[in-house]
Amino acid sequence: MTLNNPLQYWSGDEVAAYLIEAADTLRRLPRVRLESKQSSWPDVVRTASELWVGEPHAKNRTAPPSPRAIDRMDVVLTWLLPLSFEQRRILWARSCGIPWRKLEDIDGRSHMTLRKVYNEGLDTLLRLLNSYPEAPKKKLIAG
């Protein structure tokens, strides 16, 4: 056994990080607006002082994701398909940053049960990802 193993297998932390990145990428994608819902009224002309101050209720938009991030998101979302519905739901909810306490309220089960479902889903993903002949993560994710 050599210390410099060229095959880099997936760990739970890396898979969780890619899931979090995929959730963030999906959140930052521009929203699709229906053309029929848009108004045909002209834009409101604002004074210089209104433009300087801005609107108090307007949120700052985050930068759109890069094309590589979108490609990674597409790959990572396909990882969730072999999981059971509850594993997929809990893994994705945690990737979106929903706290355990809120998940308890939504799901009705204790955080220990939800953590067990989360860990089982993560273990299933690790088994699947590391069982592929091209298991090195560089081949699966690198663009």
N, C-alpha and C. Protein backbone atom coordinates (compact mmCIF):
# COMPACT_ATOMS: atom_id res chain seq x y z
N MET A 1 0.84 -1.18 0.00
CA MET A 1 0.00 0.00 0.00
C MET A 1 0.88 1.24 0.00
N THR A 2 0.64 2.12 -0.94
CA THR A 2 1.45 3.32 -1.03
C THR A 2 0.72 4.49 -0.38
N LEU A 3 1.50 5.46 0.05
CA LEU A 3 0.91 6.65 0.66
C LEU A 3 0.35 7.59 -0.40
N ASN A 4 0.95 7.62 -1.57
CA ASN A 4 0.47 8.50 -2.64
C ASN A 4 -0.45 7.71 -3.56
N ASN A 5 -1.66 7.48 -3.10
CA ASN A 5 -2.64 6.74 -3.88
C ASN A 5 -3.21 7.66 -4.95
N PRO A 6 -3.06 7.32 -6.24
CA PRO A 6 -3.59 8.19 -7.29
C PRO A 6 -5.12 8.22 -7.30
N LEU A 7 -5.76 7.19 -6.76
CA LEU A 7 -7.21 7.17 -6.71
C LEU A 7 -7.67 7.93 -5.47
N GLN A 8 -8.41 8.99 -5.69
CA GLN A 8 -8.92 9.76 -4.57
C GLN A 8 -10.39 9.44 -4.41
N TYR A 9 -10.73 8.67 -3.40
CA TYR A 9 -12.10 8.29 -3.18
C TYR A 9 -12.84 9.36 -2.40
N TRP A 10 -14.14 9.34 -2.51
CA TRP A 10 -15.00 10.34 -1.89
C TRP A 10 -15.09 10.12 -0.39
N SER A 11 -15.18 11.22 0.35
CA SER A 11 -15.46 11.16 1.79
C SER A 11 -16.82 11.81 2.02
N GLY A 12 -17.38 11.59 3.19
CA GLY A 12 -18.68 12.15 3.51
C GLY A 12 -18.69 13.67 3.52
N ASP A 13 -17.60 14.27 4.02
CA ASP A 13 -17.52 15.74 4.06
C ASP A 13 -17.48 16.33 2.66
N GLU A 14 -16.77 15.66 1.74
CA GLU A 14 -16.68 16.18 0.37
C GLU A 14 -18.03 16.09 -0.34
N VAL A 15 -18.73 14.98 -0.15
CA VAL A 15 -20.03 14.82 -0.78
C VAL A 15 -21.01 15.86 -0.22
N ALA A 16 -20.97 16.06 1.10
CA ALA A 16 -21.85 17.07 1.72
C ALA A 16 -21.51 18.46 1.20
N ALA A 17 -20.23 18.75 1.02
CA ALA A 17 -19.83 20.06 0.49
C ALA A 17 -20.34 20.27 -0.93
N TYR A 18 -20.28 19.22 -1.76
CA TYR A 18 -20.79 19.34 -3.12
C TYR A 18 -22.31 19.50 -3.13
N LEU A 19 -23.00 18.84 -2.21
CA LEU A 19 -24.45 19.02 -2.10
C LEU A 19 -24.80 20.45 -1.70
N ILE A 20 -24.04 21.00 -0.76
CA ILE A 20 -24.27 22.39 -0.33
C ILE A 20 -24.00 23.35 -1.48
N GLU A 21 -22.92 23.09 -2.23
CA GLU A 21 -22.62 23.94 -3.37
C GLU A 21 -23.73 23.86 -4.43
N ALA A 22 -24.28 22.66 -4.65
CA ALA A 22 -25.36 22.50 -5.63
C ALA A 22 -26.61 23.26 -5.19
N ALA A 23 -26.92 23.22 -3.90
CA ALA A 23 -28.08 23.96 -3.40
C ALA A 23 -27.87 25.46 -3.55
N ASP A 24 -26.65 25.92 -3.28
CA ASP A 24 -26.34 27.34 -3.42
C ASP A 24 -26.39 27.76 -4.89
N THR A 25 -25.90 26.92 -5.77
CA THR A 25 -25.93 27.22 -7.21
C THR A 25 -27.37 27.31 -7.69
N LEU A 26 -28.20 26.39 -7.27
CA LEU A 26 -29.60 26.41 -7.68
C LEU A 26 -30.30 27.67 -7.17
N ARG A 27 -29.95 28.09 -5.95
CA ARG A 27 -30.55 29.29 -5.37
C ARG A 27 -30.14 30.54 -6.14
N ARG A 28 -28.91 30.55 -6.66
CA ARG A 28 -28.41 31.74 -7.35
C ARG A 28 -28.78 31.81 -8.83
N LEU A 29 -29.38 30.76 -9.37
CA LEU A 29 -29.81 30.83 -10.76
C LEU A 29 -30.89 31.91 -10.92
N PRO A 30 -30.89 32.61 -12.05
CA PRO A 30 -31.92 33.64 -12.24
C PRO A 30 -33.30 33.00 -12.31
N ARG A 31 -34.25 33.70 -11.73
CA ARG A 31 -35.62 33.20 -11.74
C ARG A 31 -36.24 33.39 -13.12
N VAL A 32 -37.04 32.44 -13.50
CA VAL A 32 -37.73 32.51 -14.79
C VAL A 32 -39.02 33.29 -14.58
N ARG A 33 -39.22 34.30 -15.40
CA ARG A 33 -40.44 35.10 -15.31
C ARG A 33 -41.28 34.85 -16.55
N LEU A 34 -42.56 34.70 -16.33
CA LEU A 34 -43.47 34.51 -17.45
C LEU A 34 -43.69 35.83 -18.16
N GLU A 35 -43.65 35.80 -19.46
CA GLU A 35 -43.82 37.02 -20.24
C GLU A 35 -45.22 37.61 -20.05
N SER A 36 -46.21 36.77 -19.88
CA SER A 36 -47.58 37.27 -19.76
C SER A 36 -47.80 38.03 -18.45
N LYS A 37 -46.97 37.80 -17.46
CA LYS A 37 -47.11 38.46 -16.17
C LYS A 37 -46.44 39.83 -16.14
N GLN A 38 -45.61 40.12 -17.10
CA GLN A 38 -44.91 41.40 -17.10
C GLN A 38 -45.83 42.50 -17.60
N SER A 39 -45.58 43.66 -17.12
CA SER A 39 -46.41 44.81 -17.46
C SER A 39 -45.90 45.46 -18.74
N SER A 40 -46.84 46.05 -19.47
CA SER A 40 -46.44 46.78 -20.67
C SER A 40 -46.28 48.27 -20.39
N TRP A 41 -46.40 48.62 -19.12
CA TRP A 41 -46.21 50.02 -18.73
C TRP A 41 -44.73 50.39 -18.90
N PRO A 42 -44.44 51.65 -19.18
CA PRO A 42 -43.03 52.06 -19.28
C PRO A 42 -42.36 52.05 -17.91
N ASP A 43 -41.04 51.98 -17.92
CA ASP A 43 -40.29 52.00 -16.67
C ASP A 43 -40.48 53.33 -15.96
N VAL A 44 -40.42 53.27 -14.65
CA VAL A 44 -40.55 54.48 -13.85
C VAL A 44 -39.23 55.25 -13.93
N VAL A 45 -39.33 56.54 -14.19
CA VAL A 45 -38.14 57.38 -14.25
C VAL A 45 -37.84 57.86 -12.84
N ARG A 46 -36.63 57.61 -12.39
CA ARG A 46 -36.25 57.97 -11.03
C ARG A 46 -35.29 59.16 -11.06
N THR A 47 -35.34 59.93 -9.98
CA THR A 47 -34.41 61.06 -9.85
C THR A 47 -33.07 60.52 -9.39
N ALA A 48 -32.06 61.35 -9.45
CA ALA A 48 -30.72 60.95 -9.04
C ALA A 48 -30.70 60.59 -7.55
N SER A 49 -31.42 61.34 -6.73
CA SER A 49 -31.43 61.05 -5.30
C SER A 49 -32.11 59.72 -5.01
N GLU A 50 -33.15 59.38 -5.75
CA GLU A 50 -33.81 58.09 -5.56
C GLU A 50 -32.89 56.94 -5.97
N LEU A 51 -32.12 57.14 -7.01
CA LEU A 51 -31.19 56.11 -7.45
C LEU A 51 -30.05 55.94 -6.45
N TRP A 52 -29.62 57.04 -5.86
CA TRP A 52 -28.51 56.99 -4.91
C TRP A 52 -28.91 56.22 -3.66
N VAL A 53 -30.08 56.52 -3.12
CA VAL A 53 -30.54 55.90 -1.88
C VAL A 53 -31.00 54.46 -2.14
N GLY A 54 -31.68 54.25 -3.24
CA GLY A 54 -32.18 52.92 -3.54
C GLY A 54 -33.49 52.67 -2.82
N GLU A 55 -34.05 51.53 -3.05
CA GLU A 55 -35.31 51.18 -2.41
C GLU A 55 -35.02 50.43 -1.12
N PRO A 56 -35.70 50.78 -0.03
CA PRO A 56 -35.40 50.15 1.25
C PRO A 56 -35.76 48.66 1.29
N HIS A 57 -36.75 48.25 0.53
CA HIS A 57 -37.16 46.85 0.59
C HIS A 57 -36.47 45.98 -0.46
N ALA A 58 -35.65 46.56 -1.31
CA ALA A 58 -34.96 45.79 -2.35
C ALA A 58 -33.81 45.00 -1.74
N LYS A 59 -33.67 43.75 -2.18
CA LYS A 59 -32.58 42.91 -1.70
C LYS A 59 -31.43 42.95 -2.70
N ASN A 60 -30.23 42.82 -2.18
CA ASN A 60 -29.07 42.70 -3.06
C ASN A 60 -29.07 41.31 -3.68
N ARG A 61 -28.91 41.27 -4.97
CA ARG A 61 -28.86 39.98 -5.64
C ARG A 61 -27.45 39.42 -5.59
N THR A 62 -27.37 38.13 -5.41
CA THR A 62 -26.07 37.49 -5.45
C THR A 62 -25.65 37.31 -6.90
N ALA A 63 -24.39 37.12 -7.09
CA ALA A 63 -23.88 36.92 -8.45
C ALA A 63 -24.40 35.61 -9.01
N PRO A 64 -24.70 35.56 -10.29
CA PRO A 64 -25.16 34.29 -10.87
C PRO A 64 -24.04 33.25 -10.84
N PRO A 65 -24.39 31.98 -10.80
CA PRO A 65 -23.35 30.95 -10.75
C PRO A 65 -22.60 30.84 -12.07
N SER A 66 -21.40 30.34 -11.99
CA SER A 66 -20.59 30.15 -13.20
C SER A 66 -21.11 28.93 -13.96
N PRO A 67 -20.79 28.84 -15.24
CA PRO A 67 -21.19 27.65 -16.01
C PRO A 67 -20.64 26.35 -15.43
N ARG A 68 -19.43 26.40 -14.89
CA ARG A 68 -18.86 25.19 -14.27
C ARG A 68 -19.64 24.77 -13.04
N ALA A 69 -20.08 25.77 -12.25
CA ALA A 69 -20.88 25.46 -11.06
C ALA A 69 -22.21 24.84 -11.45
N ILE A 70 -22.79 25.31 -12.55
CA ILE A 70 -24.05 24.74 -13.03
C ILE A 70 -23.83 23.31 -13.50
N ASP A 71 -22.72 23.05 -14.19
CA ASP A 71 -22.41 21.69 -14.63
C ASP A 71 -22.22 20.77 -13.43
N ARG A 72 -21.50 21.24 -12.40
CA ARG A 72 -21.32 20.43 -11.19
C ARG A 72 -22.67 20.17 -10.52
N MET A 73 -23.53 21.19 -10.48
CA MET A 73 -24.84 21.03 -9.87
C MET A 73 -25.63 19.94 -10.60
N ASP A 74 -25.58 19.94 -11.93
CA ASP A 74 -26.28 18.92 -12.70
C ASP A 74 -25.80 17.52 -12.33
N VAL A 75 -24.49 17.36 -12.19
CA VAL A 75 -23.93 16.05 -11.83
C VAL A 75 -24.36 15.67 -10.42
N VAL A 76 -24.26 16.60 -9.49
CA VAL A 76 -24.56 16.31 -8.09
C VAL A 76 -26.04 15.98 -7.91
N LEU A 77 -26.91 16.66 -8.62
CA LEU A 77 -28.34 16.37 -8.48
C LEU A 77 -28.69 14.96 -8.96
N THR A 78 -27.94 14.44 -9.93
CA THR A 78 -28.19 13.07 -10.37
C THR A 78 -27.78 12.05 -9.30
N TRP A 79 -26.88 12.45 -8.40
CA TRP A 79 -26.48 11.55 -7.32
C TRP A 79 -27.67 11.22 -6.42
N LEU A 80 -28.62 12.12 -6.29
CA LEU A 80 -29.73 11.92 -5.37
C LEU A 80 -30.77 10.93 -5.88
N LEU A 81 -30.76 10.63 -7.17
CA LEU A 81 -31.79 9.78 -7.75
C LEU A 81 -31.85 8.37 -7.17
N PRO A 82 -30.74 7.67 -6.90
CA PRO A 82 -30.86 6.31 -6.38
C PRO A 82 -31.31 6.24 -4.91
N LEU A 83 -31.36 7.37 -4.23
CA LEU A 83 -31.73 7.37 -2.82
C LEU A 83 -33.25 7.23 -2.67
N SER A 84 -33.66 6.82 -1.47
CA SER A 84 -35.10 6.77 -1.19
C SER A 84 -35.63 8.19 -1.08
N PHE A 85 -36.94 8.33 -1.14
CA PHE A 85 -37.55 9.66 -1.10
C PHE A 85 -37.19 10.40 0.18
N GLU A 86 -37.27 9.72 1.32
CA GLU A 86 -36.98 10.42 2.58
C GLU A 86 -35.50 10.78 2.71
N GLN A 87 -34.62 9.91 2.24
CA GLN A 87 -33.19 10.24 2.27
C GLN A 87 -32.90 11.44 1.38
N ARG A 88 -33.48 11.44 0.19
CA ARG A 88 -33.29 12.55 -0.74
C ARG A 88 -33.80 13.86 -0.13
N ARG A 89 -34.96 13.80 0.48
CA ARG A 89 -35.58 14.99 1.05
C ARG A 89 -34.75 15.55 2.21
N ILE A 90 -34.27 14.68 3.10
CA ILE A 90 -33.50 15.14 4.26
C ILE A 90 -32.12 15.64 3.81
N LEU A 91 -31.47 14.91 2.90
CA LEU A 91 -30.15 15.37 2.41
C LEU A 91 -30.26 16.73 1.73
N TRP A 92 -31.28 16.92 0.91
CA TRP A 92 -31.43 18.18 0.20
C TRP A 92 -31.79 19.31 1.16
N ALA A 93 -32.65 19.02 2.14
CA ALA A 93 -33.03 20.05 3.11
C ALA A 93 -31.81 20.52 3.90
N ARG A 94 -30.97 19.59 4.32
CA ARG A 94 -29.76 19.98 5.06
C ARG A 94 -28.78 20.72 4.14
N SER A 95 -28.73 20.36 2.87
CA SER A 95 -27.86 21.05 1.92
C SER A 95 -28.33 22.48 1.72
N CYS A 96 -29.63 22.70 1.82
CA CYS A 96 -30.19 24.05 1.69
C CYS A 96 -30.04 24.86 2.96
N GLY A 97 -29.53 24.26 4.01
CA GLY A 97 -29.28 24.99 5.24
C GLY A 97 -30.43 25.00 6.23
N ILE A 98 -31.41 24.13 6.04
CA ILE A 98 -32.52 24.07 6.98
C ILE A 98 -32.04 23.42 8.27
N PRO A 99 -32.21 24.08 9.42
CA PRO A 99 -31.70 23.51 10.68
C PRO A 99 -32.49 22.27 11.10
N TRP A 100 -31.86 21.45 11.94
CA TRP A 100 -32.48 20.22 12.41
C TRP A 100 -33.79 20.51 13.13
N ARG A 101 -33.83 21.57 13.91
CA ARG A 101 -35.03 21.90 14.68
C ARG A 101 -36.22 22.16 13.76
N LYS A 102 -35.99 22.90 12.69
CA LYS A 102 -37.07 23.18 11.74
C LYS A 102 -37.48 21.91 11.01
N LEU A 103 -36.51 21.06 10.69
CA LEU A 103 -36.83 19.78 10.06
C LEU A 103 -37.67 18.90 10.98
N GLU A 104 -37.40 18.95 12.29
CA GLU A 104 -38.23 18.22 13.25
C GLU A 104 -39.67 18.68 13.17
N ASP A 105 -39.87 20.00 13.11
CA ASP A 105 -41.22 20.55 13.05
C ASP A 105 -41.92 20.17 11.75
N ILE A 106 -41.18 20.18 10.64
CA ILE A 106 -41.76 19.87 9.34
C ILE A 106 -42.08 18.38 9.23
N ASP A 107 -41.14 17.54 9.65
CA ASP A 107 -41.24 16.10 9.44
C ASP A 107 -41.99 15.39 10.56
N GLY A 108 -41.86 15.88 11.78
CA GLY A 108 -42.54 15.25 12.90
C GLY A 108 -41.72 14.17 13.60
N ARG A 109 -40.50 13.96 13.15
CA ARG A 109 -39.64 12.98 13.81
C ARG A 109 -38.54 13.70 14.56
N SER A 110 -37.88 12.99 15.48
CA SER A 110 -36.82 13.60 16.28
C SER A 110 -35.58 13.85 15.43
N HIS A 111 -34.73 14.74 15.94
CA HIS A 111 -33.51 15.05 15.19
C HIS A 111 -32.58 13.85 15.11
N MET A 112 -32.63 12.98 16.09
CA MET A 112 -31.79 11.78 16.04
C MET A 112 -32.24 10.85 14.91
N THR A 113 -33.54 10.70 14.72
CA THR A 113 -34.05 9.88 13.62
C THR A 113 -33.70 10.52 12.28
N LEU A 114 -33.85 11.83 12.21
CA LEU A 114 -33.52 12.53 10.96
C LEU A 114 -32.03 12.45 10.66
N ARG A 115 -31.20 12.53 11.68
CA ARG A 115 -29.75 12.38 11.47
C ARG A 115 -29.41 10.97 10.99
N LYS A 116 -30.14 9.99 11.51
CA LYS A 116 -29.92 8.62 11.07
C LYS A 116 -30.26 8.48 9.59
N VAL A 117 -31.39 9.05 9.17
CA VAL A 117 -31.79 9.01 7.75
C VAL A 117 -30.74 9.75 6.91
N TYR A 118 -30.27 10.90 7.39
CA TYR A 118 -29.25 11.69 6.69
C TYR A 118 -27.97 10.87 6.52
N ASN A 119 -27.51 10.26 7.60
CA ASN A 119 -26.27 9.48 7.54
C ASN A 119 -26.42 8.24 6.65
N GLU A 120 -27.59 7.60 6.69
CA GLU A 120 -27.81 6.45 5.80
C GLU A 120 -27.78 6.88 4.34
N GLY A 121 -28.39 8.03 4.04
CA GLY A 121 -28.36 8.54 2.67
C GLY A 121 -26.96 8.88 2.22
N LEU A 122 -26.20 9.52 3.11
CA LEU A 122 -24.81 9.87 2.79
C LEU A 122 -23.97 8.62 2.58
N ASP A 123 -24.18 7.61 3.43
CA ASP A 123 -23.44 6.34 3.27
C ASP A 123 -23.79 5.66 1.95
N THR A 124 -25.06 5.71 1.57
CA THR A 124 -25.48 5.12 0.30
C THR A 124 -24.79 5.84 -0.86
N LEU A 125 -24.77 7.17 -0.79
CA LEU A 125 -24.08 7.94 -1.84
C LEU A 125 -22.60 7.58 -1.91
N LEU A 126 -21.96 7.48 -0.76
CA LEU A 126 -20.53 7.14 -0.74
C LEU A 126 -20.28 5.77 -1.34
N ARG A 127 -21.12 4.79 -0.99
CA ARG A 127 -20.97 3.45 -1.56
C ARG A 127 -21.11 3.49 -3.08
N LEU A 128 -22.12 4.23 -3.55
CA LEU A 128 -22.33 4.29 -5.00
C LEU A 128 -21.20 5.03 -5.72
N LEU A 129 -20.80 6.16 -5.19
CA LEU A 129 -19.76 6.95 -5.85
C LEU A 129 -18.42 6.22 -5.85
N ASN A 130 -18.09 5.55 -4.77
CA ASN A 130 -16.80 4.88 -4.68
C ASN A 130 -16.79 3.52 -5.36
N SER A 131 -17.96 3.04 -5.80
CA SER A 131 -18.01 1.74 -6.46
C SER A 131 -17.83 1.84 -7.98
N TYR A 132 -17.94 3.03 -8.53
CA TYR A 132 -17.75 3.19 -9.98
C TYR A 132 -16.30 2.90 -10.35
N PRO A 133 -16.08 2.34 -11.55
CA PRO A 133 -14.70 2.10 -11.99
C PRO A 133 -13.90 3.40 -12.04
N GLU A 134 -14.56 4.51 -12.41
CA GLU A 134 -13.86 5.79 -12.43
C GLU A 134 -14.19 6.58 -11.16
N ALA A 135 -14.02 5.91 -10.01
CA ALA A 135 -14.35 6.49 -8.72
C ALA A 135 -13.55 7.74 -8.37
N PRO A 136 -12.37 7.95 -8.95
CA PRO A 136 -11.67 9.18 -8.58
C PRO A 136 -12.54 10.39 -8.84
N LYS A 137 -12.62 11.26 -7.85
CA LYS A 137 -13.52 12.41 -7.95
C LYS A 137 -13.10 13.37 -9.04
N LYS A 138 -11.86 13.38 -9.41
CA LYS A 138 -11.41 14.29 -10.44
C LYS A 138 -12.11 14.00 -11.77
N LYS A 139 -12.39 12.72 -12.01
CA LYS A 139 -13.04 12.36 -13.27
C LYS A 139 -14.53 12.68 -13.25
N LEU A 140 -15.16 12.59 -12.09
CA LEU A 140 -16.59 12.81 -12.01
C LEU A 140 -16.96 14.29 -12.00
N ILE A 141 -16.14 15.12 -11.38
CA ILE A 141 -16.51 16.52 -11.17
C ILE A 141 -15.70 17.48 -12.00
N ALA A 142 -14.44 17.23 -12.19
CA ALA A 142 -13.58 18.21 -12.86
C ALA A 142 -14.09 18.51 -14.25
N GLY A 143 -14.01 19.79 -14.61
CA GLY A 143 -14.52 20.19 -15.92
C GLY A 143 -13.45 20.49 -16.90
